Amino acid sequence: MQSIDAPVSGGDVGAKAGRVITMTGGDKEAIDSVRPLLGAYCFDVAHMGSAGAGQSTKLVNQMMIANILVGTCEALLFGHKSGLDAS
């Protein structure tokens, strides 16, 4: 028995459009054996490396998104407090 990790990316918009991607970690042969199952709900299956690499990739993805959101909010707040016209 082997295990893989396979978190997805694409959010609800991707899920509704059938366009989510899974970032898999684990033995390539194990991933290949379940690729048809993953393909039933994923647009693409990316093998990221050994077990845990899929989860690590997902975490990196979430960290980048969080930084973009925080940076955008900070920039808008700075502009507002500086008296800039947001339009």
C-alpha atoms as a PDB file:
ATOM      1  CA  MET A   1       0.000   0.000   0.000  1.00  0.00           C
ATOM      2  CA  GLN A   2       1.220   3.490  -0.884  1.00  0.00           C
ATOM      3  CA  SER A   3      -0.225   6.868  -0.180  1.00  0.00           C
ATOM      4  CA  ILE A   4      -0.132  10.140  -2.046  1.00  0.00           C
ATOM      5  CA  ASP A   5      -1.160  13.671  -1.217  1.00  0.00           C
ATOM      6  CA  ALA A   6      -3.223  15.488  -3.814  1.00  0.00           C
ATOM      7  CA  PRO A   7      -4.556  18.925  -2.839  1.00  0.00           C
ATOM      8  CA  VAL A   8      -6.304  20.912  -5.547  1.00  0.00           C
ATOM      9  CA  SER A   9      -6.095  24.483  -6.770  1.00  0.00           C
ATOM     10  CA  GLY A  10      -8.648  26.442  -8.726  1.00  0.00           C
ATOM     11  CA  GLY A  11     -11.241  27.355  -6.130  1.00  0.00           C
ATOM     12  CA  ASP A  12     -14.976  27.207  -6.589  1.00  0.00           C
ATOM     13  CA  VAL A  13     -14.776  28.904  -9.985  1.00  0.00           C
ATOM     14  CA  GLY A  14     -12.379  26.240 -11.244  1.00  0.00           C
ATOM     15  CA  ALA A  15     -14.439  23.458  -9.703  1.00  0.00           C
ATOM     16  CA  LYS A  16     -17.640  24.665 -11.367  1.00  0.00           C
ATOM     17  CA  ALA A  17     -15.827  24.900 -14.695  1.00  0.00           C
ATOM     18  CA  GLY A  18     -14.112  21.528 -14.269  1.00  0.00           C
ATOM     19  CA  ARG A  19     -10.705  23.242 -14.288  1.00  0.00           C
ATOM     20  CA  VAL A  20      -9.097  22.366 -10.947  1.00  0.00           C
ATOM     21  CA  ILE A  21      -5.509  21.152 -10.862  1.00  0.00           C
ATOM     22  CA  THR A  22      -4.139  18.703  -8.330  1.00  0.00           C
ATOM     23  CA  MET A  23      -0.605  18.991  -7.029  1.00  0.00           C
ATOM     24  CA  THR A  24       0.413  15.463  -6.098  1.00  0.00           C
ATOM     25  CA  GLY A  25       3.186  14.172  -3.927  1.00  0.00           C
ATOM     26  CA  GLY A  26       4.282  10.582  -3.675  1.00  0.00           C
ATOM     27  CA  ASP A  27       5.737   7.751  -5.683  1.00  0.00           C
ATOM     28  CA  LYS A  28       5.221   8.303  -9.424  1.00  0.00           C
ATOM     29  CA  GLU A  29       3.927   4.764  -9.916  1.00  0.00           C
ATOM     30  CA  ALA A  30       1.337   5.249  -7.159  1.00  0.00           C
ATOM     31  CA  ILE A  31       0.206   8.532  -8.699  1.00  0.00           C
ATOM     32  CA  ASP A  32       0.023   7.003 -12.163  1.00  0.00           C
ATOM     33  CA  SER A  33      -2.144   4.190 -10.779  1.00  0.00           C
ATOM     34  CA  VAL A  34      -4.775   6.674  -9.542  1.00  0.00           C
ATOM     35  CA  ARG A  35      -4.397   9.217 -12.342  1.00  0.00           C
ATOM     36  CA  PRO A  36      -7.702   8.096 -13.978  1.00  0.00           C
ATOM     37  CA  LEU A  37      -9.512   8.741 -10.686  1.00  0.00           C
ATOM     38  CA  LEU A  38      -7.850  12.139 -10.261  1.00  0.00           C
ATOM     39  CA  GLY A  39      -8.667  12.905 -13.891  1.00  0.00           C
ATOM     40  CA  ALA A  40     -12.361  12.458 -13.119  1.00  0.00           C
ATOM     41  CA  TYR A  41     -12.363  15.748 -11.221  1.00  0.00           C
ATOM     42  CA  CYS A  42      -9.101  17.466 -12.222  1.00  0.00           C
ATOM     43  CA  PHE A  43      -8.143  19.232 -15.403  1.00  0.00           C
ATOM     44  CA  ASP A  44      -4.481  18.452 -14.781  1.00  0.00           C
ATOM     45  CA  VAL A  45      -2.443  16.303 -12.400  1.00  0.00           C
ATOM     46  CA  ALA A  46       1.008  17.682 -11.561  1.00  0.00           C
ATOM     47  CA  HIS A  47       3.530  15.406  -9.840  1.00  0.00           C
ATOM     48  CA  MET A  48       5.472  17.660  -7.469  1.00  0.00           C
ATOM     49  CA  GLY A  49       7.837  15.118  -5.914  1.00  0.00           C
ATOM     50  CA  SER A  50       7.904  12.785  -2.937  1.00  0.00           C
ATOM     51  CA  ALA A  51       5.110  12.338  -0.399  1.00  0.00           C
ATOM     52  CA  GLY A  52       4.197  15.693   1.120  1.00  0.00           C
ATOM     53  CA  ALA A  53       5.355  17.725  -1.886  1.00  0.00           C
ATOM     54  CA  GLY A  54       1.766  18.275  -3.040  1.00  0.00           C
ATOM     55  CA  GLN A  55       0.817  19.733   0.339  1.00  0.00           C
ATOM     56  CA  SER A  56       3.954  21.887   0.382  1.00  0.00           C
ATOM     57  CA  THR A  57       3.153  23.190  -3.095  1.00  0.00           C
ATOM     58  CA  LYS A  58      -0.394  24.014  -1.998  1.00  0.00           C
ATOM     59  CA  LEU A  59       0.974  25.871   1.036  1.00  0.00           C
ATOM     60  CA  VAL A  60       3.320  27.921  -1.163  1.00  0.00           C
ATOM     61  CA  ASN A  61       0.342  28.720  -3.419  1.00  0.00           C
ATOM     62  CA  GLN A  62      -1.786  29.847  -0.453  1.00  0.00           C
ATOM     63  CA  MET A  63       1.063  31.936   0.974  1.00  0.00           C
ATOM     64  CA  MET A  64       1.474  33.763  -2.335  1.00  0.00           C
ATOM     65  CA  ILE A  65      -2.268  34.450  -2.559  1.00  0.00           C
ATOM     66  CA  ALA A  66      -2.360  35.727   1.032  1.00  0.00           C
ATOM     67  CA  ASN A  67       0.566  38.057   0.377  1.00  0.00           C
ATOM     68  CA  ILE A  68      -1.075  39.439  -2.750  1.00  0.00           C
ATOM     69  CA  LEU A  69      -4.323  40.074  -0.855  1.00  0.00           C
ATOM     70  CA  VAL A  70      -2.607  41.729   2.110  1.00  0.00           C
ATOM     71  CA  GLY A  71      -0.410  43.830  -0.183  1.00  0.00           C
ATOM     72  CA  THR A  72      -3.400  44.980  -2.212  1.00  0.00           C
ATOM     73  CA  CYS A  73      -5.365  45.912   0.917  1.00  0.00           C
ATOM     74  CA  GLU A  74      -2.399  47.799   2.365  1.00  0.00           C
ATOM     75  CA  ALA A  75      -1.881  49.687  -0.890  1.00  0.00           C
ATOM     76  CA  LEU A  76      -5.542  50.676  -1.119  1.00  0.00           C
ATOM     77  CA  LEU A  77      -5.611  51.739   2.527  1.00  0.00           C
ATOM     78  CA  PHE A  78      -2.451  53.800   2.059  1.00  0.00           C
ATOM     79  CA  GLY A  79      -3.965  55.504  -0.977  1.00  0.00           C
ATOM     80  CA  HIS A  80      -7.203  56.232   0.878  1.00  0.00           C
ATOM     81  CA  LYS A  81      -5.415  57.630   3.943  1.00  0.00           C
ATOM     82  CA  SER A  82      -3.231  59.741   1.645  1.00  0.00           C
ATOM     83  CA  GLY A  83      -6.351  61.350   0.211  1.00  0.00           C
ATOM     84  CA  LEU A  84      -6.017  59.846  -3.241  1.00  0.00           C
ATOM     85  CA  ASP A  85      -9.092  59.517  -5.429  1.00  0.00           C
ATOM     86  CA  ALA A  86      -9.708  55.755  -5.621  1.00  0.00           C
ATOM     87  CA  SER A  87     -11.505  56.065  -8.942  1.00  0.00           C
END
